[in-house]
């Protein structure tokens, strides 16, 4: 059996998303489960966005008909295990050892490692549960009270004639400073704030040119580190194997083994993610930057037409800190690096901009690449 595993053949019960079967020569094989597979892909794709909590994803999968082999609904623990299962990206794990599987994978590696990154960085409230958020209020829990710093909540109030009116209000009952504000007033002023920070075409042209130049420079740097990352990954795999051997020889107790193995697994995941992102996947930087700046030149209109999930993405991308609203205008402590510089340029009222002035901006858009450097 060990030799077959080394050859990439899975010799056990197939994970969810696959089924055990036999080929024409009656040899064991695994095939796609056409019922569960699309639901598992949906779970990975939604969790990778960072907008959904696992409980909400679990409920969605169960509502769509996901059932275990015993006909039970998907549990939270099982969903956690699914979202961490490397089998879906072609890696078989047997007794702590990893082997390259010969089976067909169906989860994109970038999506998989993004999910692992979210697991590692997860803090309470990092992932927004769409099940608990009313889509009528995209700024709920995003805008904060200028008096106490608490997030604004939102609700519908019923008038004397039974008509419901939408309001935002301070979440902190002890604050007492910020009364209820109509949804229209808050969101209209938010759109006006977006208009103020939108790019003007002459600024966008200079920034785009500088970003592309820096992107090309850093891409070359990242590719030059590919060999180093690969070597580090191999050393970590050897370290993992060494820990397993030490445990077999009882040179490590259970607590020390778990502690050291957890450290190695975290570093392994990090290096695998970085190595994957070092690969040249044909990313068209000019095309994507053009899309970004088309959006930045018309933020209010784009935001108004966007669906709820897209609005949340726009908000978190633009504002590095949550803005506050004081009845009249939005007060923004910090914007994204590009918009911060745009604001500086607008204040300077100058059209003669040296493109090199924008080199630091590229790090914001290039985080998917630049953080691959060790």
Protein backbone atom coordinates (compact mmCIF):
# COMPACT_ATOMS: atom_id res chain seq x y z
CA UNK A 1 0.00 0.00 0.00
CA UNK A 2 2.83 2.39 0.86
CA UNK A 3 4.29 2.00 -2.63
CA UNK A 4 0.93 2.79 -4.23
CA UNK A 5 0.61 5.89 -2.07
CA UNK A 6 4.08 6.97 -3.19
CA UNK A 7 2.86 6.58 -6.76
CA UNK A 8 0.04 9.01 -6.01
CA UNK A 9 -2.75 6.42 -5.71
CA UNK A 10 -5.33 7.07 -2.98
CA UNK A 11 -6.06 3.79 -1.16
CA UNK A 12 -8.70 4.94 1.31
CA UNK A 13 -12.26 6.23 1.39
CA UNK A 14 -12.62 9.18 -0.99
CA UNK A 15 -13.02 12.65 0.61
CA UNK A 16 -16.20 14.62 -0.01
CA UNK A 17 -16.21 15.78 -3.62
CA UNK A 18 -14.92 12.42 -4.86
CA UNK A 19 -16.32 8.87 -5.00
CA UNK A 20 -14.59 5.50 -4.87
CA UNK A 21 -14.97 3.55 -8.12
CA UNK A 22 -13.39 0.82 -10.28
CA UNK A 23 -11.83 1.15 -13.70
CA UNK A 24 -12.26 -1.25 -16.64
CA UNK A 25 -9.64 -3.57 -15.16
CA UNK A 26 -11.39 -3.56 -11.77
CA UNK A 27 -8.65 -1.45 -10.17
CA UNK A 28 -9.60 0.99 -7.44
CA UNK A 29 -9.86 4.65 -8.49
CA UNK A 30 -11.61 7.83 -7.44
CA UNK A 31 -13.91 9.97 -9.58
CA UNK A 32 -15.61 13.33 -9.14
CA UNK A 33 -18.82 13.44 -7.13
CA UNK A 34 -20.94 15.61 -9.42
CA UNK A 35 -23.42 16.37 -6.64
CA UNK A 36 -21.12 17.54 -3.85
CA UNK A 37 -18.22 18.89 -5.93
CA UNK A 38 -19.87 22.16 -7.10
CA UNK A 39 -21.02 22.87 -3.54
CA UNK A 40 -17.51 22.39 -2.14
CA UNK A 41 -16.14 24.73 -4.83
CA UNK A 42 -18.77 27.27 -3.81
CA UNK A 43 -17.67 27.00 -0.17
CA UNK A 44 -14.01 27.69 -1.06
CA UNK A 45 -14.87 30.58 -3.39
CA UNK A 46 -17.12 32.29 -0.84
CA UNK A 47 -14.79 31.85 2.11
CA UNK A 48 -11.82 33.14 0.08
CA UNK A 49 -13.58 36.49 -0.42
CA UNK A 50 -13.40 37.18 3.33
CA UNK A 51 -17.02 38.37 3.27
CA UNK A 52 -18.68 35.22 4.61
CA UNK A 53 -18.43 33.45 7.93
CA UNK A 54 -18.20 29.68 7.90
CA UNK A 55 -21.56 29.28 9.61
CA UNK A 56 -23.26 31.19 6.80
CA UNK A 57 -21.50 29.06 4.19
CA UNK A 58 -22.53 25.90 6.05
CA UNK A 59 -26.16 26.99 6.04
CA UNK A 60 -26.01 27.81 2.31
CA UNK A 61 -24.56 24.40 1.43
CA UNK A 62 -27.17 22.59 3.51
CA UNK A 63 -29.96 24.64 1.93
CA UNK A 64 -28.63 23.65 -1.49
CA UNK A 65 -28.85 19.98 -0.57
CA UNK A 66 -25.37 19.02 0.69
CA UNK A 67 -25.60 15.82 2.74
CA UNK A 68 -23.01 13.47 4.21
CA UNK A 69 -22.80 9.82 3.17
CA UNK A 70 -25.17 9.03 6.06
CA UNK A 71 -27.70 11.60 4.85
CA UNK A 72 -26.93 14.17 7.55
CA UNK A 73 -26.50 17.91 7.11
CA UNK A 74 -22.99 19.32 6.91
CA UNK A 75 -21.62 20.16 10.37
CA UNK A 76 -19.43 23.14 11.20
CA UNK A 77 -16.51 20.87 12.13
CA UNK A 78 -16.73 18.97 8.84
CA UNK A 79 -16.82 22.23 6.86
CA UNK A 80 -13.68 23.41 8.69
CA UNK A 81 -11.99 20.17 7.68
CA UNK A 82 -13.14 20.51 4.06
CA UNK A 83 -11.73 24.02 3.74
CA UNK A 84 -8.34 22.82 5.03
CA UNK A 85 -8.20 19.63 2.93
CA UNK A 86 -5.14 19.65 0.64
CA UNK A 87 -6.50 16.68 -1.29
CA UNK A 88 -8.51 19.16 -3.37
CA UNK A 89 -5.28 20.72 -4.70
CA UNK A 90 -3.63 17.39 -5.44
CA UNK A 91 -1.80 16.72 -2.16
CA UNK A 92 -2.46 13.49 -0.26
CA UNK A 93 -1.72 13.43 3.48
CA UNK A 94 -1.13 10.03 5.10
CA UNK A 95 0.06 9.78 8.71
CA UNK A 96 1.45 13.31 8.60
CA UNK A 97 3.37 12.71 5.36
CA UNK A 98 2.42 14.51 2.16
CA UNK A 99 2.48 12.94 -1.30
CA UNK A 100 1.65 14.24 -4.77
CA UNK A 101 -1.63 12.62 -5.79
CA UNK A 102 -2.42 11.36 -9.29
CA UNK A 103 -6.08 12.28 -8.88
CA UNK A 104 -7.62 15.27 -10.65
CA UNK A 105 -7.88 18.37 -8.46
CA UNK A 106 -10.79 20.80 -8.63
CA UNK A 107 -9.88 23.68 -6.31
CA UNK A 108 -7.66 26.48 -7.64
CA UNK A 109 -4.48 26.67 -5.55
CA UNK A 110 -4.70 30.46 -5.14
CA UNK A 111 -8.17 30.15 -3.69
CA UNK A 112 -7.06 27.33 -1.39
CA UNK A 113 -4.09 29.23 0.03
CA UNK A 114 -6.17 32.38 0.40
CA UNK A 115 -8.55 30.37 2.59
CA UNK A 116 -5.63 29.10 4.70
CA UNK A 117 -4.40 32.66 5.08
CA UNK A 118 -7.81 33.75 6.33
CA UNK A 119 -7.82 30.89 8.83
CA UNK A 120 -4.43 31.98 10.16
CA UNK A 121 -5.32 35.65 10.40
CA UNK A 122 -8.88 35.18 11.56
CA UNK A 123 -10.04 37.47 14.35
CA UNK A 124 -13.59 37.89 15.50
CA UNK A 125 -15.43 40.01 12.96
CA UNK A 126 -12.85 39.66 10.17
CA UNK A 127 -15.29 37.80 7.96
CA UNK A 128 -18.65 39.47 7.55
CA UNK A 129 -21.63 37.19 7.93
CA UNK A 130 -24.14 38.06 5.27
CA UNK A 131 -26.68 36.15 7.28
CA UNK A 132 -26.56 38.75 10.06
CA UNK A 133 -26.21 41.86 7.92
CA UNK A 134 -29.21 43.56 6.39
CA UNK A 135 -28.31 44.34 2.78
CA UNK A 136 -30.34 47.54 3.00
CA UNK A 137 -27.52 49.03 5.12
CA UNK A 138 -24.07 48.60 3.48
CA UNK A 139 -22.48 51.14 5.87
CA UNK A 140 -23.65 49.35 9.00
CA UNK A 141 -20.71 48.49 11.30
CA UNK A 142 -18.40 50.26 8.82
CA UNK A 143 -19.01 53.94 9.67
CA UNK A 144 -18.23 54.94 13.26
CA UNK A 145 -19.64 57.52 15.65
CA UNK A 146 -17.40 60.66 15.82
CA UNK A 147 -18.08 61.02 19.56
CA UNK A 148 -17.35 57.58 21.02
CA UNK A 149 -15.81 55.69 18.10
CA UNK A 150 -18.40 52.90 18.20
CA UNK A 151 -19.70 51.51 14.90
CA UNK A 152 -23.07 52.69 13.65
CA UNK A 153 -25.83 50.13 13.60
CA UNK A 154 -28.99 50.39 11.51
CA UNK A 155 -32.65 49.49 11.64
CA UNK A 156 -36.11 50.27 10.32
CA UNK A 157 -38.39 52.40 12.51
CA UNK A 158 -42.15 52.13 12.08
CA UNK A 159 -44.08 55.41 11.91
CA UNK A 160 -47.61 56.14 13.12
CA UNK A 161 -49.09 55.12 9.77
CA UNK A 162 -47.20 51.80 9.79
CA UNK A 163 -44.62 52.98 7.26
CA UNK A 164 -41.05 51.75 7.87
CA UNK A 165 -38.24 54.32 7.77
CA UNK A 166 -34.55 53.27 7.57
CA UNK A 167 -32.07 54.86 10.01
CA UNK A 168 -28.45 54.61 11.09
CA UNK A 169 -27.60 55.23 14.76
CA UNK A 170 -24.73 54.83 17.23
CA UNK A 171 -24.30 51.29 18.52
CA UNK A 172 -23.20 52.52 21.97
CA UNK A 173 -26.28 53.12 24.09
CA UNK A 174 -24.21 55.10 26.63
CA UNK A 175 -22.96 57.58 24.04
CA UNK A 176 -26.07 59.76 23.83
CA UNK A 177 -24.41 62.20 21.40
CA UNK A 178 -25.39 60.84 18.00
CA UNK A 179 -29.09 60.63 17.34
CA UNK A 180 -30.62 58.54 14.59
CA UNK A 181 -29.78 59.68 11.06
CA UNK A 182 -31.80 58.74 8.00
CA UNK A 183 -30.32 56.20 5.64
CA UNK A 184 -30.66 58.69 2.78
CA UNK A 185 -28.68 61.39 4.60
CA UNK A 186 -25.81 59.06 5.56
CA UNK A 187 -25.50 57.35 2.18
CA UNK A 188 -25.90 60.55 0.15
CA UNK A 189 -23.05 62.15 2.09
CA UNK A 190 -20.99 58.99 1.67
CA UNK A 191 -21.43 59.26 -2.13
CA UNK A 192 -20.37 62.92 -1.98
CA UNK A 193 -17.27 61.84 -0.08
CA UNK A 194 -16.48 59.28 -2.78
CA UNK A 195 -16.80 62.00 -5.41
CA UNK A 196 -14.25 64.14 -3.59
CA UNK A 197 -11.65 61.40 -3.53
CA UNK A 198 -12.25 60.13 -7.09
CA UNK A 199 -9.35 60.44 -9.52
CA UNK A 200 -9.24 62.99 -12.28
CA UNK A 201 -8.02 61.64 -15.67
CA UNK A 202 -4.74 63.63 -15.76
CA UNK A 203 -3.76 62.26 -12.34
CA UNK A 204 -4.72 58.69 -13.24
CA UNK A 205 -2.48 58.67 -16.32
CA UNK A 206 0.65 59.60 -14.35
CA UNK A 207 -0.04 57.14 -11.53
CA UNK A 208 -0.75 54.23 -13.91
CA UNK A 209 2.55 54.75 -15.71
CA UNK A 210 4.52 54.74 -12.46
CA UNK A 211 2.76 51.64 -11.11
CA UNK A 212 3.48 49.62 -14.25
CA UNK A 213 7.18 50.58 -14.05
CA UNK A 214 7.45 49.53 -10.41
CA UNK A 215 5.42 46.37 -11.08
CA UNK A 216 7.91 45.27 -13.73
CA UNK A 217 10.85 45.94 -11.39
CA UNK A 218 9.36 44.02 -8.49
CA UNK A 219 8.22 41.17 -10.70
CA UNK A 220 11.85 40.61 -11.68
CA UNK A 221 12.88 40.71 -8.03
CA UNK A 222 10.23 38.16 -7.09
CA UNK A 223 11.23 35.77 -9.87
CA UNK A 224 14.86 35.99 -8.74
CA UNK A 225 13.72 34.76 -5.29
CA UNK A 226 11.85 31.76 -6.72
CA UNK A 227 14.84 29.43 -6.24
CA UNK A 228 15.38 30.59 -2.67
CA UNK A 229 11.73 29.99 -1.75
CA UNK A 230 11.82 26.53 -3.31
CA UNK A 231 14.91 25.64 -1.28
CA UNK A 232 13.28 26.91 1.92
CA UNK A 233 10.19 24.82 1.18
CA UNK A 234 12.26 21.65 0.71
CA UNK A 235 14.12 22.30 3.99
CA UNK A 236 10.81 22.70 5.84
CA UNK A 237 9.57 19.40 4.41
CA UNK A 238 12.73 17.71 5.65
CA UNK A 239 12.24 19.32 9.05
CA UNK A 240 8.68 18.01 9.14
CA UNK A 241 9.87 14.48 8.29
CA UNK A 242 12.55 14.74 10.97
CA UNK A 243 9.95 15.67 13.60
CA UNK A 244 7.85 12.65 12.64
CA UNK A 245 10.88 10.35 12.97
CA UNK A 246 11.74 11.85 16.37
CA UNK A 247 8.18 11.24 17.53
CA UNK A 248 8.33 7.61 16.33
CA UNK A 249 11.55 7.13 18.33
CA UNK A 250 9.85 8.79 21.34
CA UNK A 251 12.44 11.57 21.44
CA UNK A 252 9.63 14.15 21.69
CA UNK A 253 6.61 14.09 23.97
CA UNK A 254 3.14 14.76 22.54
CA UNK A 255 3.00 18.41 23.60
CA UNK A 256 6.41 19.35 22.18
CA UNK A 257 5.69 17.44 18.96
CA UNK A 258 2.36 19.23 18.39
CA UNK A 259 3.91 22.61 19.15
CA UNK A 260 6.84 22.15 16.77
CA UNK A 261 4.72 20.52 14.07
CA UNK A 262 2.21 23.39 14.16
CA UNK A 263 5.05 25.87 13.66
CA UNK A 264 6.40 23.93 10.68
CA UNK A 265 2.94 23.58 9.12
CA UNK A 266 2.34 27.33 9.33
CA UNK A 267 5.71 28.07 7.70
CA UNK A 268 5.05 25.41 5.04
CA UNK A 269 1.70 26.94 4.14
CA UNK A 270 3.25 30.40 3.96
CA UNK A 271 6.10 29.28 1.67
CA UNK A 272 3.74 27.25 -0.55
CA UNK A 273 1.50 30.27 -0.95
CA UNK A 274 4.46 32.53 -1.78
CA UNK A 275 5.94 30.04 -4.20
CA UNK A 276 2.62 29.70 -6.00
CA UNK A 277 2.30 33.45 -6.39
CA UNK A 278 5.82 33.67 -7.81
CA UNK A 279 4.69 31.76 -10.88
CA UNK A 280 4.00 33.76 -14.01
CA UNK A 281 0.29 33.23 -14.55
CA UNK A 282 -0.05 35.64 -17.45
CA UNK A 283 -1.35 38.43 -15.22
CA UNK A 284 -2.03 41.45 -17.45
CA UNK A 285 -1.08 44.35 -15.20
CA UNK A 286 -1.98 47.09 -17.70
CA UNK A 287 -5.44 45.69 -18.37
CA UNK A 288 -6.20 45.31 -14.65
CA UNK A 289 -4.83 48.73 -13.71
CA UNK A 290 -6.98 50.29 -16.43
CA UNK A 291 -10.02 48.63 -14.84
CA UNK A 292 -9.05 49.89 -11.38
CA UNK A 293 -8.61 53.47 -12.54
CA UNK A 294 -11.82 53.44 -14.57
CA UNK A 295 -13.49 52.65 -11.26
CA UNK A 296 -11.49 55.26 -9.34
CA UNK A 297 -12.42 57.99 -11.79
CA UNK A 298 -16.12 57.35 -11.21
CA UNK A 299 -16.41 55.92 -7.71
CA UNK A 300 -19.87 57.27 -6.77
CA UNK A 301 -21.60 55.87 -9.86
CA UNK A 302 -19.86 52.50 -9.56
CA UNK A 303 -20.69 52.25 -5.85
CA UNK A 304 -24.33 53.19 -6.41
CA UNK A 305 -24.84 50.43 -9.01
CA UNK A 306 -22.86 47.74 -7.15
CA UNK A 307 -24.44 44.85 -5.28
CA UNK A 308 -24.09 44.53 -1.52
CA UNK A 309 -20.98 42.30 -1.49
CA UNK A 310 -19.18 44.56 -3.99
CA UNK A 311 -19.98 47.63 -1.91
CA UNK A 312 -18.32 45.99 1.09
CA UNK A 313 -15.22 45.24 -0.98
CA UNK A 314 -15.06 48.83 -2.26
CA UNK A 315 -15.40 50.22 1.27
CA UNK A 316 -12.64 48.06 2.74
CA UNK A 317 -10.35 48.70 -0.25
CA UNK A 318 -10.66 52.49 -0.13
CA UNK A 319 -10.58 53.17 3.60
CA UNK A 320 -7.63 51.98 5.68
CA UNK A 321 -9.51 53.11 8.78
CA UNK A 322 -13.24 53.29 9.30
CA UNK A 323 -14.65 56.77 8.55
CA UNK A 324 -16.88 58.67 10.96
CA UNK A 325 -19.97 60.75 10.18
CA UNK A 326 -20.94 63.84 12.16
CA UNK A 327 -24.29 64.85 10.54
CA UNK A 328 -22.59 67.01 7.90
CA UNK A 329 -19.70 65.16 6.35
CA UNK A 330 -17.53 62.08 6.56
CA UNK A 331 -14.25 62.40 8.41
CA UNK A 332 -11.66 59.99 7.05
CA UNK A 333 -8.47 59.36 9.07
CA UNK A 334 -6.69 57.33 6.36
CA UNK A 335 -7.37 56.26 2.79
CA UNK A 336 -5.67 53.60 0.67
CA UNK A 337 -2.11 54.61 -0.41
CA UNK A 338 -3.16 55.63 -3.94
CA UNK A 339 -6.05 57.78 -2.78
CA UNK A 340 -3.94 59.35 -0.03
CA UNK A 341 -1.44 60.52 -2.65
CA UNK A 342 -4.21 61.65 -4.96
CA UNK A 343 -5.50 63.86 -2.14
CA UNK A 344 -2.03 65.32 -1.65
CA UNK A 345 -1.80 66.10 -5.36
CA UNK A 346 -5.20 67.74 -5.37
CA UNK A 347 -4.17 69.95 -2.47
CA UNK A 348 -0.98 70.91 -4.28
CA UNK A 349 -3.02 71.80 -7.41
CA UNK A 350 -0.19 70.75 -9.67
CA UNK A 351 -0.35 68.88 -12.97
CA UNK A 352 3.40 68.60 -13.39
CA UNK A 353 3.89 65.35 -11.52
CA UNK A 354 7.06 63.29 -11.52
CA UNK A 355 5.97 59.65 -11.99
CA UNK A 356 8.64 58.51 -9.55
CA UNK A 357 6.67 60.34 -6.87
CA UNK A 358 4.30 57.39 -7.01
CA UNK A 359 6.71 54.52 -6.52
CA UNK A 360 5.51 53.81 -3.00
CA UNK A 361 1.94 53.55 -4.26
CA UNK A 362 2.67 50.43 -6.19
CA UNK A 363 3.14 48.46 -3.00
CA UNK A 364 -0.57 48.86 -2.31
CA UNK A 365 -1.71 47.38 -5.62
CA UNK A 366 1.18 44.96 -5.77
CA UNK A 367 0.68 43.28 -2.40
CA UNK A 368 -0.25 40.05 -4.18
CA UNK A 369 3.29 40.05 -5.62
CA UNK A 370 5.57 42.06 -3.35
CA UNK A 371 4.83 40.09 -0.20
CA UNK A 372 6.34 37.04 -1.86
CA UNK A 373 9.83 38.36 -0.98
CA UNK A 374 11.28 36.65 2.04
